[in-house]
Amino acid sequence: MTTAGPAQADLSQVLHVEQRDDDLWVGAVDVLALPQLFGGQLVGQSLMAAGRSVPEGCLPHSLHTTFLRGGRSGEPVSFRVERLRDGRSVSTREVSAWQDDRLLCRTVVSCTRIDSGLSHSRPTPRALGPEAAVDLRVLAEPDGGLGRFWDDFRAIEIRVEPEPAPGADRDAVAPGAAPPQNIWMRAVDPLGDDPLLHRAAVAYASDLMLMSTAVTPHGHTTGAETTLGRTWWAVSLDHTMWFHRDVRADEWLLFEHATSAAHDSRALIDAAVFGADGAQACRITQEALIRPLT
């Protein structure tokens, strides 16, 4: 665990992976003061390693991560890429993330060159917009702030619409156990024009705020993250994303979060992500193990 150090760098540095062999990559070391490595970094760097191993012009359209063990913050992670298939239009990779001899997660990434054909999108949810939403740090002040992790966390700006927007469809993402939550996120620093980096940045951000959404049917209010940490124990089990179209992670993205079901301490959380053009850019689904601490 990192006990001291600089604030987090911009996402292009956080997500950087360095090639050491044909199918071996080493990720940049995080600086976040967490008891274990942030899952979004594992997913984002796994996507970068997979995307760098496929032919030019072939971009990830889906990923499926299974988390196996918690990683140690402040230490590098090696990403071993297995080339499962290279077809005319689709290439598939399996990426295993390791710290020494500890396997942290496996991610299957599918990439495609297809850039035309069938296209549609659900309407953008009714939302107040990022200008009317509240910065997460400000929203958390009555709850005692966000703690050490957020002191160093500078790569993503997060704003929350505290209440569902007027006229919002609570069943727009999935039949929800609580009204959907609109959360706006963007990378703080410009990310250039590499579409792979933008998808990896969205993957990084996709692991934020999901646990908070999972317990909203049980009285939790988004922004009360300090209380969340005192009240609930949670760990991600698996994480899936589908990328429908190109997206810029350094522009405001609307993450519409909802939780449709939980049983035997396993909660399912969904998020639909909308870009500046109003079209749905990707979809996220995560299953988490969540238990009360008292």
Protein backbone atom coordinates (compact mmCIF):
# COMPACT_ATOMS: atom_id res chain seq x y z
CA MET A 1 0.00 0.00 0.00
CA THR A 2 1.25 3.48 -0.88
CA THR A 3 1.67 5.53 2.29
CA ALA A 4 2.89 8.75 0.69
CA GLY A 5 3.53 10.15 -2.72
CA PRO A 6 2.37 12.53 -5.42
CA ALA A 7 -1.19 13.03 -6.54
CA GLN A 8 -2.33 10.79 -9.34
CA ALA A 9 -1.06 11.57 -12.84
CA ASP A 10 -3.27 12.08 -15.87
CA LEU A 11 -4.95 8.99 -17.29
CA SER A 12 -2.61 8.64 -20.26
CA GLN A 13 0.18 7.94 -17.73
CA VAL A 14 -1.98 5.92 -15.32
CA LEU A 15 -3.06 3.56 -18.13
CA HIS A 16 0.33 3.28 -19.82
CA VAL A 17 1.61 -0.24 -20.48
CA GLU A 18 5.18 -0.94 -21.58
CA GLN A 19 5.88 -3.87 -23.88
CA ARG A 20 8.55 -6.22 -22.54
CA ASP A 21 8.06 -9.14 -24.96
CA ASP A 22 5.72 -10.06 -27.82
CA ASP A 23 2.92 -10.92 -25.41
CA LEU A 24 4.09 -9.38 -22.12
CA TRP A 25 3.29 -5.86 -20.94
CA VAL A 26 3.95 -4.08 -17.64
CA GLY A 27 1.57 -1.42 -16.40
CA ALA A 28 2.36 1.93 -14.83
CA VAL A 29 2.35 1.88 -11.01
CA ASP A 30 -0.59 3.60 -9.32
CA VAL A 31 -0.15 6.10 -6.47
CA LEU A 32 -3.55 5.76 -4.81
CA ALA A 33 -3.70 5.11 -1.08
CA LEU A 34 -5.90 2.02 -1.23
CA PRO A 35 -5.74 -1.23 0.75
CA GLN A 36 -5.68 -3.00 -2.62
CA LEU A 37 -5.17 -2.11 -6.26
CA PHE A 38 -8.07 -0.22 -7.89
CA GLY A 39 -10.02 -2.60 -10.11
CA GLY A 40 -10.58 0.06 -12.77
CA GLN A 41 -6.83 0.28 -13.31
CA LEU A 42 -6.59 -3.49 -13.83
CA VAL A 43 -9.43 -3.41 -16.36
CA GLY A 44 -8.10 -0.34 -18.18
CA GLN A 45 -4.52 -1.61 -18.42
CA SER A 46 -5.72 -5.07 -19.49
CA LEU A 47 -7.65 -3.39 -22.30
CA MET A 48 -4.54 -1.42 -23.32
CA ALA A 49 -2.39 -4.56 -23.44
CA ALA A 50 -4.98 -6.43 -25.53
CA GLY A 51 -5.51 -3.47 -27.85
CA ARG A 52 -1.78 -3.06 -28.46
CA SER A 53 -1.50 -6.73 -29.49
CA VAL A 54 -4.04 -6.67 -32.33
CA PRO A 55 -3.61 -5.32 -35.89
CA GLU A 56 -3.86 -1.58 -36.45
CA GLY A 57 -7.42 -0.35 -36.80
CA CYS A 58 -8.84 -3.19 -34.70
CA LEU A 59 -10.50 -1.79 -31.56
CA PRO A 60 -12.01 -3.45 -28.47
CA HIS A 61 -15.78 -3.86 -28.58
CA SER A 62 -16.23 -6.01 -25.47
CA LEU A 63 -14.40 -7.15 -22.36
CA HIS A 64 -15.21 -9.62 -19.61
CA THR A 65 -13.08 -9.49 -16.44
CA THR A 66 -13.14 -11.98 -13.59
CA PHE A 67 -11.45 -10.64 -10.45
CA LEU A 68 -9.60 -13.38 -8.57
CA ARG A 69 -7.40 -11.72 -5.94
CA GLY A 70 -6.78 -8.23 -4.63
CA GLY A 71 -3.63 -6.60 -5.95
CA ARG A 72 -1.09 -4.60 -3.94
CA SER A 73 -1.16 -0.86 -4.55
CA GLY A 74 2.12 0.81 -5.43
CA GLU A 75 3.58 -2.26 -7.18
CA PRO A 76 3.74 -3.00 -10.94
CA VAL A 77 1.44 -5.50 -12.62
CA SER A 78 2.45 -7.73 -15.53
CA PHE A 79 -0.11 -8.41 -18.26
CA ARG A 80 0.32 -11.64 -20.22
CA VAL A 81 -1.60 -11.71 -23.48
CA GLU A 82 -2.80 -14.95 -25.05
CA ARG A 83 -3.81 -14.70 -28.71
CA LEU A 84 -6.99 -16.76 -28.85
CA ARG A 85 -8.05 -15.84 -32.39
CA ASP A 86 -7.23 -13.54 -35.30
CA GLY A 87 -10.02 -13.59 -37.87
CA ARG A 88 -10.76 -11.36 -40.83
CA SER A 89 -12.94 -9.01 -38.77
CA VAL A 90 -12.57 -10.06 -35.10
CA SER A 91 -9.51 -10.70 -32.93
CA THR A 92 -9.81 -12.14 -29.42
CA ARG A 93 -7.30 -11.93 -26.58
CA GLU A 94 -7.16 -13.24 -23.03
CA VAL A 95 -5.15 -11.04 -20.68
CA SER A 96 -3.98 -12.32 -17.29
CA ALA A 97 -2.79 -9.76 -14.73
CA TRP A 98 -0.02 -10.87 -12.36
CA GLN A 99 1.93 -9.51 -9.41
CA ASP A 100 4.84 -11.90 -8.96
CA ASP A 101 3.17 -15.35 -8.86
CA ARG A 102 -0.28 -14.04 -7.86
CA LEU A 103 -2.94 -14.04 -10.58
CA LEU A 104 -5.16 -11.00 -9.95
CA CYS A 105 -7.68 -11.21 -12.78
CA ARG A 106 -8.36 -12.55 -16.25
CA THR A 107 -9.94 -10.47 -19.01
CA VAL A 108 -11.23 -11.69 -22.37
CA VAL A 109 -11.17 -8.84 -24.88
CA SER A 110 -12.79 -8.99 -28.30
CA CYS A 111 -11.68 -6.47 -30.95
CA THR A 112 -13.11 -5.72 -34.37
CA ARG A 113 -12.35 -3.82 -37.57
CA ILE A 114 -16.04 -3.51 -38.52
CA ASP A 115 -16.85 0.21 -38.77
CA SER A 116 -20.15 0.33 -40.70
CA GLY A 117 -23.54 -1.37 -40.81
CA LEU A 118 -26.50 -1.70 -38.43
CA SER A 119 -26.77 1.20 -35.99
CA HIS A 120 -29.30 2.41 -33.40
CA SER A 121 -29.38 3.79 -29.86
CA ARG A 122 -31.90 4.33 -27.10
CA PRO A 123 -32.66 7.98 -26.35
CA THR A 124 -30.41 9.85 -23.96
CA PRO A 125 -31.91 9.84 -20.44
CA ARG A 126 -33.43 13.06 -19.20
CA ALA A 127 -30.66 14.66 -17.18
CA LEU A 128 -29.84 18.00 -15.61
CA GLY A 129 -26.42 18.15 -17.26
CA PRO A 130 -22.92 18.37 -15.75
CA GLU A 131 -23.22 22.10 -15.05
CA ALA A 132 -26.20 21.47 -12.74
CA ALA A 133 -24.71 18.37 -11.10
CA VAL A 134 -22.70 18.52 -7.87
CA ASP A 135 -19.02 17.68 -7.60
CA LEU A 136 -18.65 14.44 -5.63
CA ARG A 137 -16.25 16.05 -3.15
CA VAL A 138 -18.75 18.81 -2.41
CA LEU A 139 -21.60 16.31 -2.12
CA ALA A 140 -19.56 14.30 0.40
CA GLU A 141 -18.72 17.19 2.73
CA PRO A 142 -21.72 16.65 5.09
CA ASP A 143 -20.62 13.00 5.43
CA GLY A 144 -17.10 13.94 6.49
CA GLY A 145 -15.49 13.99 3.06
CA LEU A 146 -14.20 11.22 0.84
CA GLY A 147 -11.06 10.09 2.69
CA ARG A 148 -7.46 9.44 1.72
CA PHE A 149 -8.13 7.68 -1.60
CA TRP A 150 -9.87 10.73 -3.01
CA ASP A 151 -7.15 13.09 -1.76
CA ASP A 152 -4.78 11.53 -4.31
CA PHE A 153 -7.41 10.77 -6.96
CA ARG A 154 -7.15 13.47 -9.63
CA ALA A 155 -7.51 11.70 -12.98
CA ILE A 156 -11.34 11.68 -13.20
CA GLU A 157 -13.78 14.48 -12.40
CA ILE A 158 -17.09 13.21 -11.02
CA ARG A 159 -20.35 15.10 -10.67
CA VAL A 160 -23.59 13.65 -9.32
CA GLU A 161 -27.21 14.56 -9.85
CA PRO A 162 -28.41 14.03 -6.24
CA GLU A 163 -31.99 13.23 -7.23
CA PRO A 164 -33.40 11.64 -10.39
CA ALA A 165 -34.04 14.28 -13.02
CA PRO A 166 -37.69 15.34 -13.44
CA GLY A 167 -39.47 12.89 -15.72
CA ALA A 168 -36.63 10.35 -15.63
CA ASP A 169 -37.64 6.83 -16.58
CA ARG A 170 -36.64 4.64 -13.62
CA ASP A 171 -36.78 1.51 -15.79
CA ALA A 172 -34.74 2.95 -18.68
CA VAL A 173 -31.60 0.87 -18.05
CA ALA A 174 -33.26 -2.13 -16.43
CA PRO A 175 -36.20 -2.64 -14.06
CA GLY A 176 -34.52 -1.04 -11.08
CA ALA A 177 -34.83 -1.66 -7.37
CA ALA A 178 -34.26 2.10 -6.92
CA PRO A 179 -34.44 5.06 -9.31
CA PRO A 180 -31.47 5.31 -11.70
CA GLN A 181 -28.63 7.62 -10.70
CA ASN A 182 -27.14 10.08 -13.21
CA ILE A 183 -23.39 10.50 -12.75
CA TRP A 184 -21.18 12.64 -14.99
CA MET A 185 -17.51 11.78 -15.46
CA ARG A 186 -14.62 12.95 -17.61
CA ALA A 187 -10.84 12.70 -17.63
CA VAL A 188 -9.36 15.87 -16.14
CA ASP A 189 -6.50 16.13 -18.68
CA PRO A 190 -6.72 15.90 -22.49
CA LEU A 191 -6.09 12.37 -23.79
CA GLY A 192 -5.18 13.02 -27.42
CA ASP A 193 -6.81 11.15 -30.27
CA ASP A 194 -5.95 7.48 -29.68
CA PRO A 195 -9.35 5.71 -29.61
CA LEU A 196 -7.89 2.78 -27.65
CA LEU A 197 -6.77 5.10 -24.84
CA HIS A 198 -10.23 6.68 -24.68
CA ARG A 199 -11.88 3.26 -24.36
CA ALA A 200 -9.38 2.26 -21.68
CA ALA A 201 -10.12 5.51 -19.83
CA VAL A 202 -13.85 4.76 -19.89
CA ALA A 203 -13.06 1.26 -18.62
CA TYR A 204 -11.05 2.81 -15.78
CA ALA A 205 -13.93 5.14 -14.85
CA SER A 206 -16.48 2.34 -15.19
CA ASP A 207 -15.43 0.83 -11.85
CA LEU A 208 -16.27 4.03 -9.95
CA MET A 209 -19.52 4.57 -8.02
CA LEU A 210 -20.94 1.09 -8.72
CA MET A 211 -20.88 -0.09 -5.10
CA SER A 212 -22.64 3.11 -4.08
CA THR A 213 -25.42 2.37 -6.56
CA ALA A 214 -25.70 -1.24 -5.37
CA VAL A 215 -26.88 -0.23 -1.89
CA THR A 216 -29.19 2.67 -2.79
CA PRO A 217 -32.22 0.35 -2.35
CA HIS A 218 -31.07 -0.10 1.26
CA GLY A 219 -31.05 3.57 2.24
CA HIS A 220 -27.63 4.67 0.98
CA THR A 221 -27.35 8.13 -0.59
CA THR A 222 -24.78 8.62 -3.34
CA GLY A 223 -22.04 10.89 -2.00
CA ALA A 224 -22.09 9.44 1.52
CA GLU A 225 -19.04 7.35 0.66
CA THR A 226 -17.46 7.57 4.12
CA THR A 227 -20.61 6.10 5.65
CA LEU A 228 -20.64 3.49 2.87
CA GLY A 229 -17.15 2.35 3.87
CA ARG A 230 -18.13 2.10 7.54
CA THR A 231 -21.40 0.29 6.87
CA TRP A 232 -20.71 -2.12 4.01
CA TRP A 233 -17.94 -4.48 2.94
CA ALA A 234 -17.79 -4.93 -0.83
CA VAL A 235 -15.65 -6.55 -3.51
CA SER A 236 -16.11 -6.84 -7.28
CA LEU A 237 -16.55 -10.36 -8.65
CA ASP A 238 -16.73 -9.74 -12.38
CA HIS A 239 -17.00 -6.80 -14.75
CA THR A 240 -18.31 -6.66 -18.33
CA MET A 241 -18.34 -3.85 -20.89
CA TRP A 242 -19.57 -3.47 -24.45
CA PHE A 243 -18.33 -0.55 -26.56
CA HIS A 244 -20.89 0.44 -29.18
CA ARG A 245 -19.08 3.40 -30.78
CA ASP A 246 -16.11 5.71 -30.39
CA VAL A 247 -16.19 7.95 -27.35
CA ARG A 248 -14.03 10.72 -25.90
CA ALA A 249 -13.28 10.17 -22.23
CA ASP A 250 -11.95 13.72 -21.82
CA GLU A 251 -15.42 15.11 -22.55
CA TRP A 252 -18.37 14.82 -20.18
CA LEU A 253 -19.98 11.36 -20.26
CA LEU A 254 -23.29 10.53 -18.64
CA PHE A 255 -23.21 7.27 -16.66
CA GLU A 256 -26.77 6.19 -15.86
CA HIS A 257 -26.41 3.72 -12.98
CA ALA A 258 -29.05 1.26 -11.81
CA THR A 259 -29.24 -1.93 -9.76
CA SER A 260 -31.88 -4.43 -10.77
CA ALA A 261 -31.31 -7.31 -8.36
CA ALA A 262 -29.38 -8.61 -5.37
CA HIS A 263 -29.61 -11.89 -3.51
CA ASP A 264 -27.36 -13.88 -1.17
CA SER A 265 -25.10 -10.79 -0.92
CA ARG A 266 -24.48 -10.66 -4.69
CA ALA A 267 -25.62 -7.41 -6.30
CA LEU A 268 -25.92 -6.67 -10.01
CA ILE A 269 -25.19 -3.11 -11.15
CA ASP A 270 -25.73 -1.77 -14.68
CA ALA A 271 -24.65 1.47 -16.32
CA ALA A 272 -25.42 2.91 -19.73
CA VAL A 273 -22.88 5.51 -20.91
CA PHE A 274 -23.81 8.34 -23.25
CA GLY A 275 -21.43 10.59 -25.16
CA ALA A 276 -21.68 14.22 -26.20
CA ASP A 277 -23.62 13.29 -29.36
CA GLY A 278 -26.40 11.78 -27.22
CA ALA A 279 -25.93 8.21 -28.44
CA GLN A 280 -25.22 5.31 -26.09
CA ALA A 281 -21.48 4.72 -26.26
CA CYS A 282 -21.15 1.66 -24.05
CA ARG A 283 -22.83 -0.58 -21.49
CA ILE A 284 -21.39 -1.83 -18.19
CA THR A 285 -22.52 -4.67 -15.96
CA GLN A 286 -20.82 -5.70 -12.72
CA GLU A 287 -21.60 -8.29 -10.07
CA ALA A 288 -20.32 -7.48 -6.59
CA LEU A 289 -20.27 -9.28 -3.28
CA ILE A 290 -21.63 -6.87 -0.65
CA ARG A 291 -22.21 -7.52 3.05
CA PRO A 292 -23.16 -5.29 5.99
CA LEU A 293 -20.42 -4.67 8.53
CA THR A 294 -22.83 -4.53 11.46
